[in-house]
Amino acid sequence: MKRVLSLTFIFAFFTILVAGCSSTSSTGNSNKLVIGIDDKFAPMGFRDENNEIVGFDIDLAKAAAKEMEKEVVFQPIDWSTKESELSSGRIDLIWNGYTITDERKEKVLFTKPYLKNAQVIVTKADSEISKMDDLTGKVVGVQSLSSASDALNANDIKSKIKEVTEFKDNVLALSDLKIGRIDAVVIDQIVADYYMTKEADTYKLLDESLAPEEYGIGVKKGNEKLLNELQKALDKINQNGTAAKISEKWFGEDRVLK
């Protein structure tokens, strides 16, 4: 009997030890924030020429984490599985140009909006497409399971488009546009503006937009404690001017919602 009890105790201890070592999010470490990002979403979060993760949202997250006295870890994820990554606990936050929508509100908690955005149409600079109706019969690219895809599906022009091609990220979509595999890309205006400053001779931006929207930060349902702590930190860096300085660094002006 003593031998059975000893083996039971050893097994229980081993199980607890393994469980404690396997935690990867702030559930296992209250001083760490694991943030899920799309690392090809310039200028919000992307890799620079040194393969370092940089961007507006990256700097903003670091500033907020400093206020919260937490260590921040940026975890590149498949953007199409972002809500699953959050609900499973593998990440603590979705923070990388994450548009607030009614559908997403059913899956996550959101902070207050911190940045305005819109879904716009980008074509090649020499394209004959000059207005939204010109997309009739064309092939249009979008990032898979993005707000760009939602905006396109909600617009009447969708029924007139020949084909919609989905991409894992915007970089792939723009690359296919550049070589002529697709005719246009529906993309976040903030991202489009960034690429226009880099490759103005390659792309052009149509005047019409599909949908205005706002960015927020996604927190796991039920974790109001983290949501409130994060919002308090965001309010603080708004009030002390830190957020404005970060915005001026990346956009040349203060675009942060107060």
C-alpha atoms as a PDB file:
ATOM      1  CA  MET A   1       0.000   0.000   0.000  1.00  0.00           C
ATOM      2  CA  LYS A   2       2.824   2.414   0.877  1.00  0.00           C
ATOM      3  CA  ARG A   3       4.435   1.756  -2.511  1.00  0.00           C
ATOM      4  CA  VAL A   4       1.146   2.544  -4.313  1.00  0.00           C
ATOM      5  CA  LEU A   5       0.742   5.776  -2.359  1.00  0.00           C
ATOM      6  CA  SER A   6       4.320   6.801  -3.135  1.00  0.00           C
ATOM      7  CA  LEU A   7       3.890   6.211  -6.838  1.00  0.00           C
ATOM      8  CA  THR A   8       0.634   8.181  -6.805  1.00  0.00           C
ATOM      9  CA  PHE A   9       2.344  11.115  -5.090  1.00  0.00           C
ATOM     10  CA  ILE A  10       5.255  11.073  -7.566  1.00  0.00           C
ATOM     11  CA  PHE A  11       2.867  11.011 -10.546  1.00  0.00           C
ATOM     12  CA  ALA A  12       0.812  13.905  -9.146  1.00  0.00           C
ATOM     13  CA  PHE A  13       3.954  15.972  -8.505  1.00  0.00           C
ATOM     14  CA  PHE A  14       5.265  15.299 -12.020  1.00  0.00           C
ATOM     15  CA  THR A  15       1.912  16.323 -13.544  1.00  0.00           C
ATOM     16  CA  ILE A  16       1.915  19.632 -11.652  1.00  0.00           C
ATOM     17  CA  LEU A  17       5.540  20.286 -12.644  1.00  0.00           C
ATOM     18  CA  VAL A  18       4.868  19.688 -16.348  1.00  0.00           C
ATOM     19  CA  ALA A  19       1.745  21.826 -16.287  1.00  0.00           C
ATOM     20  CA  GLY A  20       3.651  24.668 -14.662  1.00  0.00           C
ATOM     21  CA  CYS A  21       6.413  24.548 -17.267  1.00  0.00           C
ATOM     22  CA  SER A  22       4.103  24.429 -20.272  1.00  0.00           C
ATOM     23  CA  SER A  23       2.388  27.793 -19.824  1.00  0.00           C
ATOM     24  CA  THR A  24       3.265  30.287 -22.595  1.00  0.00           C
ATOM     25  CA  SER A  25       1.020  33.288 -21.910  1.00  0.00           C
ATOM     26  CA  SER A  26       0.461  35.681 -19.006  1.00  0.00           C
ATOM     27  CA  THR A  27      -1.631  32.966 -17.293  1.00  0.00           C
ATOM     28  CA  GLY A  28       1.707  31.425 -16.332  1.00  0.00           C
ATOM     29  CA  ASN A  29       3.586  34.697 -15.928  1.00  0.00           C
ATOM     30  CA  SER A  30       1.644  37.723 -14.713  1.00  0.00           C
ATOM     31  CA  ASN A  31       4.555  40.016 -15.605  1.00  0.00           C
ATOM     32  CA  LYS A  32       4.605  39.052 -19.285  1.00  0.00           C
ATOM     33  CA  LEU A  33       2.323  40.105 -22.140  1.00  0.00           C
ATOM     34  CA  VAL A  34       2.383  37.913 -25.243  1.00  0.00           C
ATOM     35  CA  ILE A  35       1.058  39.957 -28.165  1.00  0.00           C
ATOM     36  CA  GLY A  36      -0.082  38.311 -31.366  1.00  0.00           C
ATOM     37  CA  ILE A  37       0.898  40.232 -34.510  1.00  0.00           C
ATOM     38  CA  ASP A  38       1.025  39.996 -38.284  1.00  0.00           C
ATOM     39  CA  ASP A  39       4.719  40.727 -38.876  1.00  0.00           C
ATOM     40  CA  LYS A  40       4.094  41.836 -42.476  1.00  0.00           C
ATOM     41  CA  PHE A  41       1.670  44.657 -41.689  1.00  0.00           C
ATOM     42  CA  ALA A  42       3.692  47.833 -42.199  1.00  0.00           C
ATOM     43  CA  PRO A  43       3.732  50.381 -40.666  1.00  0.00           C
ATOM     44  CA  MET A  44       1.825  48.873 -37.712  1.00  0.00           C
ATOM     45  CA  GLY A  45       4.017  45.834 -37.124  1.00  0.00           C
ATOM     46  CA  PHE A  46       6.632  44.425 -39.510  1.00  0.00           C
ATOM     47  CA  ARG A  47      10.243  43.313 -39.855  1.00  0.00           C
ATOM     48  CA  ASP A  48      12.862  45.872 -40.832  1.00  0.00           C
ATOM     49  CA  GLU A  49      16.033  45.291 -42.880  1.00  0.00           C
ATOM     50  CA  ASN A  50      17.657  43.752 -39.783  1.00  0.00           C
ATOM     51  CA  ASN A  51      14.706  41.362 -39.299  1.00  0.00           C
ATOM     52  CA  GLU A  52      13.713  43.232 -36.148  1.00  0.00           C
ATOM     53  CA  ILE A  53       9.993  43.624 -35.435  1.00  0.00           C
ATOM     54  CA  VAL A  54       9.164  47.342 -35.557  1.00  0.00           C
ATOM     55  CA  GLY A  55       6.177  49.608 -36.188  1.00  0.00           C
ATOM     56  CA  PHE A  56       3.654  51.996 -34.717  1.00  0.00           C
ATOM     57  CA  ASP A  57       1.743  49.323 -32.804  1.00  0.00           C
ATOM     58  CA  ILE A  58       5.005  47.796 -31.607  1.00  0.00           C
ATOM     59  CA  ASP A  59       6.175  51.088 -30.089  1.00  0.00           C
ATOM     60  CA  LEU A  60       2.716  51.782 -28.654  1.00  0.00           C
ATOM     61  CA  ALA A  61       2.565  48.329 -27.055  1.00  0.00           C
ATOM     62  CA  LYS A  62       6.011  48.764 -25.514  1.00  0.00           C
ATOM     63  CA  ALA A  63       4.986  52.123 -24.038  1.00  0.00           C
ATOM     64  CA  ALA A  64       1.772  50.690 -22.594  1.00  0.00           C
ATOM     65  CA  ALA A  65       3.582  47.635 -21.202  1.00  0.00           C
ATOM     66  CA  LYS A  66       6.092  49.929 -19.494  1.00  0.00           C
ATOM     67  CA  GLU A  67       3.215  51.715 -17.745  1.00  0.00           C
ATOM     68  CA  MET A  68       1.833  48.311 -16.712  1.00  0.00           C
ATOM     69  CA  GLU A  69       5.305  47.232 -15.501  1.00  0.00           C
ATOM     70  CA  LYS A  70       5.159  44.175 -17.731  1.00  0.00           C
ATOM     71  CA  GLU A  71       7.564  42.525 -20.137  1.00  0.00           C
ATOM     72  CA  VAL A  72       6.243  42.392 -23.693  1.00  0.00           C
ATOM     73  CA  VAL A  73       6.772  39.550 -26.177  1.00  0.00           C
ATOM     74  CA  PHE A  74       5.678  39.890 -29.811  1.00  0.00           C
ATOM     75  CA  GLN A  75       4.463  36.614 -31.273  1.00  0.00           C
ATOM     76  CA  PRO A  76       3.974  36.471 -35.070  1.00  0.00           C
ATOM     77  CA  ILE A  77       0.831  34.469 -35.836  1.00  0.00           C
ATOM     78  CA  ASP A  78      -1.266  33.382 -38.780  1.00  0.00           C
ATOM     79  CA  TRP A  79      -3.679  36.322 -38.908  1.00  0.00           C
ATOM     80  CA  SER A  80      -6.535  34.060 -40.009  1.00  0.00           C
ATOM     81  CA  THR A  81      -6.342  32.224 -36.646  1.00  0.00           C
ATOM     82  CA  LYS A  82      -5.895  35.270 -34.395  1.00  0.00           C
ATOM     83  CA  GLU A  83      -9.070  34.792 -32.321  1.00  0.00           C
ATOM     84  CA  SER A  84      -8.275  31.097 -31.814  1.00  0.00           C
ATOM     85  CA  GLU A  85      -4.774  31.996 -30.640  1.00  0.00           C
ATOM     86  CA  LEU A  86      -6.299  34.420 -28.126  1.00  0.00           C
ATOM     87  CA  SER A  87      -9.047  32.148 -26.806  1.00  0.00           C
ATOM     88  CA  SER A  88      -6.589  29.264 -26.379  1.00  0.00           C
ATOM     89  CA  GLY A  89      -4.317  31.401 -24.202  1.00  0.00           C
ATOM     90  CA  ARG A  90      -1.305  31.170 -26.501  1.00  0.00           C
ATOM     91  CA  ILE A  91      -1.356  34.960 -26.742  1.00  0.00           C
ATOM     92  CA  ASP A  92      -2.700  37.591 -24.348  1.00  0.00           C
ATOM     93  CA  LEU A  93      -3.567  40.338 -26.847  1.00  0.00           C
ATOM     94  CA  ILE A  94      -4.315  40.852 -30.528  1.00  0.00           C
ATOM     95  CA  TRP A  95      -2.590  44.133 -31.309  1.00  0.00           C
ATOM     96  CA  ASN A  96      -1.634  44.934 -34.884  1.00  0.00           C
ATOM     97  CA  GLY A  97      -4.090  47.043 -36.856  1.00  0.00           C
ATOM     98  CA  TYR A  98      -6.999  44.993 -35.464  1.00  0.00           C
ATOM     99  CA  THR A  99     -10.273  46.493 -36.702  1.00  0.00           C
ATOM    100  CA  ILE A 100     -13.222  46.670 -34.318  1.00  0.00           C
ATOM    101  CA  THR A 101     -16.274  44.934 -35.824  1.00  0.00           C
ATOM    102  CA  ASP A 102     -19.559  43.645 -34.400  1.00  0.00           C
ATOM    103  CA  GLU A 103     -18.609  40.096 -35.370  1.00  0.00           C
ATOM    104  CA  ARG A 104     -15.296  40.330 -33.545  1.00  0.00           C
ATOM    105  CA  LYS A 105     -16.962  41.845 -30.473  1.00  0.00           C
ATOM    106  CA  GLU A 106     -18.727  38.507 -30.056  1.00  0.00           C
ATOM    107  CA  LYS A 107     -15.342  36.772 -29.812  1.00  0.00           C
ATOM    108  CA  VAL A 108     -13.096  39.212 -27.923  1.00  0.00           C
ATOM    109  CA  LEU A 109     -13.111  42.195 -25.582  1.00  0.00           C
ATOM    110  CA  PHE A 110     -11.930  45.457 -27.142  1.00  0.00           C
ATOM    111  CA  THR A 111     -10.194  48.501 -25.745  1.00  0.00           C
ATOM    112  CA  LYS A 112     -11.459  51.904 -26.787  1.00  0.00           C
ATOM    113  CA  PRO A 113     -10.549  52.750 -30.418  1.00  0.00           C
ATOM    114  CA  TYR A 114      -7.087  54.287 -30.686  1.00  0.00           C
ATOM    115  CA  LEU A 115      -6.724  54.924 -34.435  1.00  0.00           C
ATOM    116  CA  LYS A 116      -9.007  55.619 -37.407  1.00  0.00           C
ATOM    117  CA  ASN A 117      -8.668  53.687 -40.644  1.00  0.00           C
ATOM    118  CA  ALA A 118     -10.557  52.836 -43.834  1.00  0.00           C
ATOM    119  CA  GLN A 119     -10.473  50.133 -46.481  1.00  0.00           C
ATOM    120  CA  VAL A 120      -9.202  51.506 -49.784  1.00  0.00           C
ATOM    121  CA  ILE A 121      -8.373  50.256 -53.272  1.00  0.00           C
ATOM    122  CA  VAL A 122      -4.814  50.144 -54.622  1.00  0.00           C
ATOM    123  CA  THR A 123      -3.965  49.470 -58.268  1.00  0.00           C
ATOM    124  CA  LYS A 124      -0.829  49.735 -60.391  1.00  0.00           C
ATOM    125  CA  ALA A 125       0.154  53.296 -61.236  1.00  0.00           C
ATOM    126  CA  ASP A 126      -0.482  52.751 -64.942  1.00  0.00           C
ATOM    127  CA  SER A 127      -3.777  50.889 -64.484  1.00  0.00           C
ATOM    128  CA  GLU A 128      -6.904  51.936 -66.367  1.00  0.00           C
ATOM    129  CA  ILE A 129      -8.836  51.549 -63.114  1.00  0.00           C
ATOM    130  CA  SER A 130      -9.661  55.000 -61.769  1.00  0.00           C
ATOM    131  CA  LYS A 131     -12.880  54.461 -59.777  1.00  0.00           C
ATOM    132  CA  MET A 132     -14.554  51.657 -57.881  1.00  0.00           C
ATOM    133  CA  ASP A 133     -16.946  50.730 -60.701  1.00  0.00           C
ATOM    134  CA  ASP A 134     -13.910  49.994 -62.881  1.00  0.00           C
ATOM    135  CA  LEU A 135     -13.374  46.863 -60.782  1.00  0.00           C
ATOM    136  CA  THR A 136     -16.188  45.236 -62.767  1.00  0.00           C
ATOM    137  CA  GLY A 137     -14.830  42.092 -64.386  1.00  0.00           C
ATOM    138  CA  LYS A 138     -11.460  42.436 -62.622  1.00  0.00           C
ATOM    139  CA  VAL A 139      -9.503  40.202 -60.239  1.00  0.00           C
ATOM    140  CA  VAL A 140      -9.169  41.734 -56.783  1.00  0.00           C
ATOM    141  CA  GLY A 141      -6.902  40.631 -53.940  1.00  0.00           C
ATOM    142  CA  VAL A 142      -7.528  40.785 -50.164  1.00  0.00           C
ATOM    143  CA  GLN A 143      -5.874  39.444 -47.050  1.00  0.00           C
ATOM    144  CA  SER A 144      -7.685  36.323 -45.887  1.00  0.00           C
ATOM    145  CA  LEU A 145     -10.140  36.793 -42.984  1.00  0.00           C
ATOM    146  CA  SER A 146      -9.351  40.508 -42.734  1.00  0.00           C
ATOM    147  CA  SER A 147     -11.576  43.560 -42.390  1.00  0.00           C
ATOM    148  CA  ALA A 148     -10.665  44.307 -46.023  1.00  0.00           C
ATOM    149  CA  SER A 149     -12.390  41.072 -46.992  1.00  0.00           C
ATOM    150  CA  ASP A 150     -15.411  41.994 -44.842  1.00  0.00           C
ATOM    151  CA  ALA A 151     -15.637  45.457 -46.412  1.00  0.00           C
ATOM    152  CA  LEU A 152     -15.468  44.066 -49.930  1.00  0.00           C
ATOM    153  CA  ASN A 153     -18.130  41.444 -49.197  1.00  0.00           C
ATOM    154  CA  ALA A 154     -20.433  44.150 -47.836  1.00  0.00           C
ATOM    155  CA  ASN A 155     -20.100  46.386 -50.901  1.00  0.00           C
ATOM    156  CA  ASP A 156     -22.240  46.135 -54.029  1.00  0.00           C
ATOM    157  CA  ILE A 157     -19.124  46.060 -56.207  1.00  0.00           C
ATOM    158  CA  LYS A 158     -18.406  42.507 -54.983  1.00  0.00           C
ATOM    159  CA  SER A 159     -21.097  41.067 -57.281  1.00  0.00           C
ATOM    160  CA  LYS A 160     -19.467  42.722 -60.308  1.00  0.00           C
ATOM    161  CA  ILE A 161     -15.915  41.516 -59.665  1.00  0.00           C
ATOM    162  CA  LYS A 162     -14.712  38.602 -61.758  1.00  0.00           C
ATOM    163  CA  GLU A 163     -12.727  36.936 -58.982  1.00  0.00           C
ATOM    164  CA  VAL A 164     -11.501  37.591 -55.448  1.00  0.00           C
ATOM    165  CA  THR A 165      -8.089  36.148 -54.594  1.00  0.00           C
ATOM    166  CA  GLU A 166      -7.196  35.741 -50.927  1.00  0.00           C
ATOM    167  CA  PHE A 167      -3.645  36.093 -49.616  1.00  0.00           C
ATOM    168  CA  LYS A 168      -1.999  35.244 -46.313  1.00  0.00           C
ATOM    169  CA  ASP A 169      -0.747  38.823 -45.971  1.00  0.00           C
ATOM    170  CA  ASN A 170      -0.758  42.185 -47.745  1.00  0.00           C
ATOM    171  CA  VAL A 171       2.842  41.882 -48.914  1.00  0.00           C
ATOM    172  CA  LEU A 172       1.931  38.873 -51.054  1.00  0.00           C
ATOM    173  CA  ALA A 173      -1.154  40.669 -52.392  1.00  0.00           C
ATOM    174  CA  LEU A 174       0.819  43.742 -53.414  1.00  0.00           C
ATOM    175  CA  SER A 175       3.525  41.590 -54.965  1.00  0.00           C
ATOM    176  CA  ASP A 176       0.946  39.862 -57.169  1.00  0.00           C
ATOM    177  CA  LEU A 177      -0.499  43.254 -58.082  1.00  0.00           C
ATOM    178  CA  LYS A 178       2.942  44.502 -59.093  1.00  0.00           C
ATOM    179  CA  ILE A 179       3.525  41.608 -61.495  1.00  0.00           C
ATOM    180  CA  GLY A 180      -0.001  41.755 -62.922  1.00  0.00           C
ATOM    181  CA  ARG A 181      -1.549  38.580 -61.533  1.00  0.00           C
ATOM    182  CA  ILE A 182      -4.371  40.642 -60.031  1.00  0.00           C
ATOM    183  CA  ASP A 183      -5.839  44.022 -60.969  1.00  0.00           C
ATOM    184  CA  ALA A 184      -6.343  45.657 -57.560  1.00  0.00           C
ATOM    185  CA  VAL A 185      -5.986  45.134 -53.810  1.00  0.00           C
ATOM    186  CA  VAL A 186      -8.421  46.133 -51.073  1.00  0.00           C
ATOM    187  CA  ILE A 187      -6.241  47.122 -48.132  1.00  0.00           C
ATOM    188  CA  ASP A 188      -6.091  49.247 -44.979  1.00  0.00           C
ATOM    189  CA  GLN A 189      -5.563  52.902 -45.790  1.00  0.00           C
ATOM    190  CA  ILE A 190      -2.788  53.180 -43.211  1.00  0.00           C
ATOM    191  CA  VAL A 191      -0.915  50.350 -44.938  1.00  0.00           C
ATOM    192  CA  ALA A 192      -1.611  51.782 -48.400  1.00  0.00           C
ATOM    193  CA  ASP A 193      -0.320  55.211 -47.363  1.00  0.00           C
ATOM    194  CA  TYR A 194       2.897  53.624 -46.136  1.00  0.00           C
ATOM    195  CA  TYR A 195       3.533  51.798 -49.411  1.00  0.00           C
ATOM    196  CA  MET A 196       2.666  54.910 -51.422  1.00  0.00           C
ATOM    197  CA  THR A 197       5.514  56.742 -49.692  1.00  0.00           C
ATOM    198  CA  LYS A 198       7.874  53.879 -50.561  1.00  0.00           C
ATOM    199  CA  GLU A 199       6.723  53.025 -54.090  1.00  0.00           C
ATOM    200  CA  ALA A 200       4.703  55.962 -55.396  1.00  0.00           C
ATOM    201  CA  ASP A 201       5.705  55.167 -58.976  1.00  0.00           C
ATOM    202  CA  THR A 202       4.430  51.594 -58.665  1.00  0.00           C
ATOM    203  CA  TYR A 203       0.979  52.004 -57.116  1.00  0.00           C
ATOM    204  CA  LYS A 204      -1.900  54.444 -57.084  1.00  0.00           C
ATOM    205  CA  LEU A 205      -4.713  54.871 -54.575  1.00  0.00           C
ATOM    206  CA  LEU A 206      -8.309  55.391 -55.702  1.00  0.00           C
ATOM    207  CA  ASP A 207     -10.197  58.325 -54.183  1.00  0.00           C
ATOM    208  CA  GLU A 208     -13.146  56.152 -53.140  1.00  0.00           C
ATOM    209  CA  SER A 209     -12.978  53.993 -50.018  1.00  0.00           C
ATOM    210  CA  LEU A 210     -15.085  50.993 -49.043  1.00  0.00           C
ATOM    211  CA  ALA A 211     -15.570  51.457 -45.326  1.00  0.00           C
ATOM    212  CA  PRO A 212     -14.398  53.677 -42.475  1.00  0.00           C
ATOM    213  CA  GLU A 213     -13.280  51.788 -39.384  1.00  0.00           C
ATOM    214  CA  GLU A 214     -11.297  52.006 -36.162  1.00  0.00           C
ATOM    215  CA  TYR A 215      -8.496  49.957 -34.634  1.00  0.00           C
ATOM    216  CA  GLY A 216      -8.686  48.465 -31.153  1.00  0.00           C
ATOM    217  CA  ILE A 217      -6.793  45.907 -29.079  1.00  0.00           C
ATOM    218  CA  GLY A 218      -8.332  42.481 -28.544  1.00  0.00           C
ATOM    219  CA  VAL A 219      -8.395  40.871 -25.086  1.00  0.00           C
ATOM    220  CA  LYS A 220      -9.680  37.390 -24.243  1.00  0.00           C
ATOM    221  CA  LYS A 221     -13.343  37.241 -23.242  1.00  0.00           C
ATOM    222  CA  GLY A 222     -13.677  37.168 -19.469  1.00  0.00           C
ATOM    223  CA  ASN A 223     -10.361  38.913 -18.802  1.00  0.00           C
ATOM    224  CA  GLU A 224     -11.778  42.298 -17.813  1.00  0.00           C
ATOM    225  CA  LYS A 225      -8.905  42.728 -15.368  1.00  0.00           C
ATOM    226  CA  LEU A 226      -6.330  42.818 -18.156  1.00  0.00           C
ATOM    227  CA  LEU A 227      -8.601  44.941 -20.343  1.00  0.00           C
ATOM    228  CA  ASN A 228      -9.007  47.590 -17.629  1.00  0.00           C
ATOM    229  CA  GLU A 229      -5.310  47.567 -16.781  1.00  0.00           C
ATOM    230  CA  LEU A 230      -4.380  47.984 -20.446  1.00  0.00           C
ATOM    231  CA  GLN A 231      -6.911  50.760 -21.033  1.00  0.00           C
ATOM    232  CA  LYS A 232      -5.589  52.639 -18.021  1.00  0.00           C
ATOM    233  CA  ALA A 233      -2.068  52.430 -19.474  1.00  0.00           C
ATOM    234  CA  LEU A 234      -3.268  53.587 -22.905  1.00  0.00           C
ATOM    235  CA  ASP A 235      -5.063  56.542 -21.335  1.00  0.00           C
ATOM    236  CA  LYS A 236      -1.886  57.446 -19.471  1.00  0.00           C
ATOM    237  CA  ILE A 237       0.362  57.459 -22.565  1.00  0.00           C
ATOM    238  CA  ASN A 238      -2.289  59.485 -24.371  1.00  0.00           C
ATOM    239  CA  GLN A 239      -2.366  62.087 -21.610  1.00  0.00           C
ATOM    240  CA  ASN A 240       1.400  62.428 -21.205  1.00  0.00           C
ATOM    241  CA  GLY A 241       2.054  62.808 -24.946  1.00  0.00           C
ATOM    242  CA  THR A 242       3.904  59.527 -25.468  1.00  0.00           C
ATOM    243  CA  ALA A 243       1.321  58.181 -27.949  1.00  0.00           C
ATOM    244  CA  ALA A 244       1.418  61.423 -29.939  1.00  0.00           C
ATOM    245  CA  LYS A 245       5.212  61.233 -30.254  1.00  0.00           C
ATOM    246  CA  ILE A 246       4.986  57.634 -31.481  1.00  0.00           C
ATOM    247  CA  SER A 247       2.362  58.653 -34.043  1.00  0.00           C
ATOM    248  CA  GLU A 248       4.507  61.545 -35.276  1.00  0.00           C
ATOM    249  CA  LYS A 249       7.434  59.148 -35.664  1.00  0.00           C
ATOM    250  CA  TRP A 250       5.495  56.772 -37.912  1.00  0.00           C
ATOM    251  CA  PHE A 251       2.893  58.991 -39.602  1.00  0.00           C
ATOM    252  CA  GLY A 252       4.396  62.465 -39.438  1.00  0.00           C
ATOM    253  CA  GLU A 253       1.424  63.702 -37.401  1.00  0.00           C
ATOM    254  CA  ASP A 254      -0.639  62.884 -34.323  1.00  0.00           C
ATOM    255  CA  ARG A 255      -3.390  60.492 -35.467  1.00  0.00           C
ATOM    256  CA  VAL A 256      -4.123  58.871 -32.124  1.00  0.00           C
ATOM    257  CA  LEU A 257      -7.755  59.068 -30.965  1.00  0.00           C
ATOM    258  CA  LYS A 258      -8.124  60.804 -27.637  1.00  0.00           C
END
